[in-house]
Amino acid sequence: MTQVFVSAHDVNTADVKWIDARFSLQDEKSGKLAYQQEHLKGAVHWDLEEDLSGASRTGGRHPLPSKEQLTELFRTSGLELTDAILIYDDGGSPFATRAWWMLQYAGFTDVHVVTEGYRELRGMFDVTAEPAVPAKSAVEPNWQEQLYADRHEVEEVAAGNRLSVLVDARSEVRYRGEKEPLYHKAGHIPTARNFDWEQLKQGGQFDVEKVKEQLMQTAAPEDDIIVYCGSGVTASPLFAALTELDYPNVKLYVGSFSDWISQDDAPIETAIRG
């Protein structure tokens, strides 16, 4: 299997570059404040709102930053394409995997998500309140467009014109349209199947192997797959899990359901798909 998730106990961290991706959807300032109070020594902080989402008013709740914005983020973080990079959050959260996906999209080749959350990591490594100030790099991303699905591609799948499998990573009640706490419309994109990203966790950490059979019942390795969620954040753990299981053709619809319903005439389903 391709190793996406790693335990900090099992890797040589001597020469790695750390990214702190802590965030809370309930308290958007908490990740930055936590970093300012304490973080692993050498770690830079990538904030979901400020760094991992674009400023565009279109493209969903957490739109993809521009390539120029991402390139500047990578450079100010002192990264090179072949660097060994480890990303952490509070454990079992979708923010480290969001950062990981961005780095995959940009062509970085040695990036992993640490399964342990910060509370455990702080007992294993040196911590500090001093912000990291890495030397700026001149990295040129090697964009991997095959990992990104735009709205038009999803429209083709929903209309039955493209043989791809849409997988909705939200909870079943949101997928069925029975409950929608965030958006003005409820349900899912037509033809989509459902796999709640929370199922990927065991004891507060991601454990892909334990849900391998469930994932394979949702979508087969030979399928062309597009994953989405509400705003492209919680679908990233599902993308990472499928990557770890060596699914070769997986894309992320970053705009996700929030982008889909931005057009009033976008069709929505509530029936359960097999």
Protein backbone atom coordinates (compact mmCIF):
# COMPACT_ATOMS: atom_id res chain seq x y z
CA MET A 1 0.00 0.00 0.00
CA THR A 2 0.98 3.61 -0.52
CA GLN A 3 1.72 5.01 2.90
CA VAL A 4 -0.15 8.23 3.58
CA PHE A 5 -0.78 7.94 7.32
CA VAL A 6 2.23 7.27 9.55
CA SER A 7 2.83 7.01 13.26
CA ALA A 8 5.47 9.38 14.58
CA HIS A 9 6.82 6.36 16.49
CA ASP A 10 7.73 4.66 13.21
CA VAL A 11 9.46 7.36 11.18
CA ASN A 12 12.84 9.04 11.29
CA THR A 13 12.00 12.65 12.07
CA ALA A 14 15.58 13.97 12.11
CA ASP A 15 15.39 15.81 8.80
CA VAL A 16 11.66 16.30 8.27
CA LYS A 17 9.80 19.55 7.83
CA TRP A 18 6.74 19.88 10.04
CA ILE A 19 3.41 21.50 9.18
CA ASP A 20 0.93 22.28 11.95
CA ALA A 21 -2.58 22.19 10.45
CA ARG A 22 -4.64 22.50 13.63
CA PHE A 23 -8.03 24.14 13.12
CA SER A 24 -11.63 23.95 14.30
CA LEU A 25 -14.68 24.51 12.14
CA GLN A 26 -16.52 25.55 15.31
CA ASP A 27 -13.86 28.10 16.35
CA GLU A 28 -11.91 29.33 13.34
CA LYS A 29 -9.29 31.18 15.41
CA SER A 30 -8.45 28.23 17.66
CA GLY A 31 -5.81 26.63 15.44
CA LYS A 32 -3.80 29.80 15.02
CA LEU A 33 -4.06 30.59 18.74
CA ALA A 34 -2.99 27.06 19.66
CA TYR A 35 0.03 27.39 17.38
CA GLN A 36 0.97 30.74 18.93
CA GLN A 37 0.80 29.22 22.39
CA GLU A 38 2.81 26.10 21.54
CA HIS A 39 3.77 23.86 18.62
CA LEU A 40 6.40 21.38 17.57
CA LYS A 41 9.73 23.11 17.14
CA GLY A 42 10.30 24.02 13.50
CA ALA A 43 6.67 23.60 12.45
CA VAL A 44 4.98 26.21 10.29
CA HIS A 45 1.24 26.73 10.68
CA TRP A 46 -1.15 26.41 7.76
CA ASP A 47 -4.59 27.79 8.56
CA LEU A 48 -7.62 26.35 6.76
CA GLU A 49 -9.20 29.73 6.17
CA GLU A 50 -6.12 31.83 5.49
CA ASP A 51 -3.79 29.37 3.73
CA LEU A 52 -5.73 26.33 2.52
CA SER A 53 -8.75 28.17 1.11
CA GLY A 54 -8.91 30.83 -1.56
CA ALA A 55 -10.39 34.30 -1.24
CA SER A 56 -12.74 33.77 -4.19
CA ARG A 57 -16.45 34.27 -3.62
CA THR A 58 -17.13 31.34 -5.91
CA GLY A 59 -16.11 27.71 -5.70
CA GLY A 60 -17.81 26.73 -2.46
CA ARG A 61 -17.28 27.44 1.22
CA HIS A 62 -13.57 26.58 1.17
CA PRO A 63 -12.52 27.18 -2.45
CA LEU A 64 -9.17 26.11 -3.82
CA PRO A 65 -6.53 28.84 -3.51
CA SER A 66 -5.01 30.05 -6.74
CA LYS A 67 -1.84 28.39 -7.92
CA GLU A 68 -0.02 31.65 -7.25
CA GLN A 69 -1.27 31.69 -3.65
CA LEU A 70 -0.26 28.09 -3.10
CA THR A 71 3.16 28.59 -4.65
CA GLU A 72 3.80 31.53 -2.32
CA LEU A 73 2.67 29.43 0.66
CA PHE A 74 5.08 26.65 -0.27
CA ARG A 75 7.93 29.09 -0.78
CA THR A 76 7.43 31.02 2.47
CA SER A 77 7.25 27.65 4.24
CA GLY A 78 10.70 26.83 2.85
CA LEU A 79 9.59 23.70 1.02
CA GLU A 80 11.15 21.81 -1.88
CA LEU A 81 9.37 19.14 -3.93
CA THR A 82 11.47 16.29 -2.53
CA ASP A 83 11.45 17.35 1.13
CA ALA A 84 10.30 14.85 3.74
CA ILE A 85 7.22 16.56 5.17
CA LEU A 86 5.05 15.52 8.13
CA ILE A 87 1.70 17.15 8.82
CA TYR A 88 -0.23 17.03 12.09
CA ASP A 89 -3.43 18.40 13.58
CA ASP A 90 -5.33 17.35 16.69
CA GLY A 91 -5.62 13.76 15.42
CA GLY A 92 -8.48 12.21 13.47
CA SER A 93 -9.29 15.59 11.92
CA PRO A 94 -9.54 16.53 8.23
CA PHE A 95 -7.17 19.49 8.30
CA ALA A 96 -3.85 17.67 7.99
CA THR A 97 -5.27 15.68 5.08
CA ARG A 98 -6.47 18.92 3.43
CA ALA A 99 -2.87 20.20 3.61
CA TRP A 100 -1.59 16.83 2.41
CA TRP A 101 -3.91 16.93 -0.63
CA MET A 102 -2.70 20.41 -1.53
CA LEU A 103 0.89 19.15 -1.48
CA GLN A 104 -0.04 16.11 -3.58
CA TYR A 105 -1.76 18.40 -6.06
CA ALA A 106 1.41 20.50 -6.24
CA GLY A 107 3.64 17.49 -6.90
CA PHE A 108 5.47 17.09 -3.59
CA THR A 109 6.74 13.53 -3.38
CA ASP A 110 7.41 12.66 0.28
CA VAL A 111 4.52 13.91 2.38
CA HIS A 112 2.72 12.06 5.18
CA VAL A 113 -0.02 12.68 7.71
CA VAL A 114 0.88 11.83 11.30
CA THR A 115 -1.83 9.74 12.95
CA GLU A 116 -1.12 11.08 16.43
CA GLY A 117 -2.67 14.35 17.46
CA TYR A 118 -0.74 17.25 18.92
CA ARG A 119 -1.44 16.27 22.52
CA GLU A 120 0.49 13.03 22.03
CA LEU A 121 3.16 14.54 19.79
CA ARG A 122 4.11 17.21 22.31
CA GLY A 123 5.27 14.45 24.63
CA MET A 124 7.54 13.03 21.92
CA PHE A 125 9.21 16.12 20.44
CA ASP A 126 10.53 19.52 21.45
CA VAL A 127 7.89 22.26 21.55
CA THR A 128 8.12 26.03 21.45
CA ALA A 129 6.00 29.17 21.23
CA GLU A 130 8.44 30.80 18.81
CA PRO A 131 7.03 30.87 15.27
CA ALA A 132 9.12 29.08 12.67
CA VAL A 133 10.73 31.37 10.10
CA PRO A 134 12.18 29.07 7.44
CA ALA A 135 14.41 30.31 4.66
CA LYS A 136 12.26 31.06 1.63
CA SER A 137 12.54 28.56 -1.20
CA ALA A 138 12.11 29.05 -4.94
CA VAL A 139 10.11 25.86 -5.43
CA GLU A 140 8.16 25.41 -8.67
CA PRO A 141 5.15 23.13 -8.17
CA ASN A 142 4.59 20.24 -10.54
CA TRP A 143 0.81 20.43 -10.71
CA GLN A 144 -1.02 17.09 -10.78
CA GLU A 145 -4.26 18.05 -12.52
CA GLN A 146 -5.47 14.44 -12.51
CA LEU A 147 -6.18 14.82 -8.76
CA TYR A 148 -8.60 17.72 -9.20
CA ALA A 149 -12.21 17.59 -10.39
CA ASP A 150 -13.95 20.78 -11.47
CA ARG A 151 -17.67 21.45 -11.48
CA HIS A 152 -18.11 20.67 -15.19
CA GLU A 153 -16.69 17.18 -14.71
CA VAL A 154 -19.07 16.52 -11.82
CA GLU A 155 -21.99 17.82 -13.89
CA GLU A 156 -21.12 15.27 -16.58
CA VAL A 157 -21.17 12.46 -14.01
CA ALA A 158 -24.43 13.61 -12.44
CA ALA A 159 -26.06 13.78 -15.88
CA GLY A 160 -24.94 10.24 -16.74
CA ASN A 161 -22.57 11.40 -19.48
CA ARG A 162 -19.40 10.24 -17.72
CA LEU A 163 -18.77 6.85 -16.13
CA SER A 164 -17.30 7.98 -12.84
CA VAL A 165 -18.32 7.18 -9.26
CA LEU A 166 -19.17 10.11 -7.01
CA VAL A 167 -18.66 9.43 -3.30
CA ASP A 168 -20.15 11.80 -0.73
CA ALA A 169 -18.03 11.82 2.45
CA ARG A 170 -20.63 13.46 4.71
CA SER A 171 -22.81 11.76 7.32
CA GLU A 172 -25.66 9.60 6.07
CA VAL A 173 -28.33 11.97 7.41
CA ARG A 174 -26.83 14.86 5.45
CA TYR A 175 -26.40 12.68 2.37
CA ARG A 176 -30.08 11.71 2.55
CA GLY A 177 -31.11 15.30 3.08
CA GLU A 178 -32.69 14.63 6.47
CA LYS A 179 -30.47 17.17 8.21
CA GLU A 180 -28.44 20.04 6.78
CA PRO A 181 -26.91 22.37 9.36
CA LEU A 182 -24.85 24.53 7.00
CA TYR A 183 -26.50 25.08 3.65
CA HIS A 184 -29.81 26.25 2.24
CA LYS A 185 -30.40 23.01 0.34
CA ALA A 186 -30.16 19.40 1.50
CA GLY A 187 -29.39 16.09 -0.18
CA HIS A 188 -26.58 14.99 -2.45
CA ILE A 189 -25.31 15.32 -6.00
CA PRO A 190 -27.19 12.91 -8.32
CA THR A 191 -25.67 9.40 -8.66
CA ALA A 192 -23.41 9.87 -5.58
CA ARG A 193 -22.83 7.03 -3.15
CA ASN A 194 -22.13 7.64 0.54
CA PHE A 195 -19.18 6.84 2.78
CA ASP A 196 -19.06 8.84 6.00
CA TRP A 197 -15.45 9.98 6.53
CA GLU A 198 -15.86 9.50 10.29
CA GLN A 199 -15.78 5.73 9.67
CA LEU A 200 -12.08 6.05 8.84
CA LYS A 201 -11.29 6.72 12.49
CA GLN A 202 -10.59 4.21 15.23
CA GLY A 203 -9.92 5.55 18.70
CA GLY A 204 -9.48 9.10 17.46
CA GLN A 205 -6.92 8.18 14.79
CA PHE A 206 -7.18 7.22 11.14
CA ASP A 207 -6.96 3.48 10.54
CA VAL A 208 -7.61 2.76 6.88
CA GLU A 209 -7.00 -0.98 6.99
CA LYS A 210 -9.94 -1.57 9.35
CA VAL A 211 -12.42 -0.11 6.86
CA LYS A 212 -10.83 -1.46 3.69
CA GLU A 213 -13.68 -3.87 2.96
CA GLN A 214 -16.33 -1.18 3.52
CA LEU A 215 -14.52 1.17 1.18
CA MET A 216 -14.25 -1.50 -1.49
CA GLN A 217 -17.99 -2.11 -1.24
CA THR A 218 -18.57 1.58 -1.92
CA ALA A 219 -16.19 1.91 -4.85
CA ALA A 220 -13.89 -0.55 -6.61
CA PRO A 221 -10.20 0.12 -7.26
CA GLU A 222 -10.81 0.06 -11.00
CA ASP A 223 -13.45 2.82 -10.75
CA ASP A 224 -12.83 6.40 -11.76
CA ILE A 225 -13.74 8.12 -8.48
CA ILE A 226 -14.57 11.69 -7.46
CA VAL A 227 -14.93 12.38 -3.75
CA TYR A 228 -16.68 15.39 -2.25
CA CYS A 229 -18.26 16.59 0.99
CA GLY A 230 -19.75 19.91 2.06
CA SER A 231 -16.84 22.21 1.30
CA GLY A 232 -13.98 19.94 0.20
CA VAL A 233 -12.42 19.55 3.65
CA THR A 234 -13.82 16.34 5.13
CA ALA A 235 -13.55 14.60 1.76
CA SER A 236 -9.76 14.89 1.98
CA PRO A 237 -9.41 12.04 4.55
CA LEU A 238 -11.43 9.84 2.19
CA PHE A 239 -9.19 10.82 -0.72
CA ALA A 240 -6.16 10.01 1.44
CA ALA A 241 -7.60 6.64 2.48
CA LEU A 242 -8.29 5.61 -1.11
CA THR A 243 -4.76 6.70 -2.03
CA GLU A 244 -3.35 4.58 0.79
CA LEU A 245 -5.29 1.61 -0.60
CA ASP A 246 -3.69 2.24 -4.02
CA TYR A 247 -6.84 3.33 -5.84
CA PRO A 248 -5.23 4.76 -8.98
CA ASN A 249 -7.94 7.12 -10.25
CA VAL A 250 -9.28 9.38 -7.50
CA LYS A 251 -10.09 13.07 -7.75
CA LEU A 252 -11.29 15.65 -5.22
CA TYR A 253 -14.12 18.02 -6.06
CA VAL A 254 -12.83 20.85 -3.88
CA GLY A 255 -15.96 22.99 -4.26
CA SER A 256 -18.11 20.05 -3.16
CA PHE A 257 -21.79 20.39 -2.19
CA SER A 258 -21.49 24.06 -1.23
CA ASP A 259 -20.32 24.84 -4.76
CA TRP A 260 -22.86 22.50 -6.34
CA ILE A 261 -25.86 24.25 -4.78
CA SER A 262 -24.51 27.71 -5.63
CA GLN A 263 -26.44 27.35 -8.89
CA ASP A 264 -30.17 27.34 -8.24
CA ASP A 265 -30.96 24.85 -11.00
CA ALA A 266 -28.45 22.22 -9.82
CA PRO A 267 -30.24 18.87 -9.38
CA ILE A 268 -30.24 17.19 -5.96
CA GLU A 269 -31.13 13.67 -4.87
CA THR A 270 -32.18 12.30 -1.50
CA ALA A 271 -32.55 8.61 -2.34
CA ILE A 272 -29.91 6.18 -1.07
CA ARG A 273 -27.54 4.87 -3.73
CA GLY A 274 -25.92 1.44 -3.53
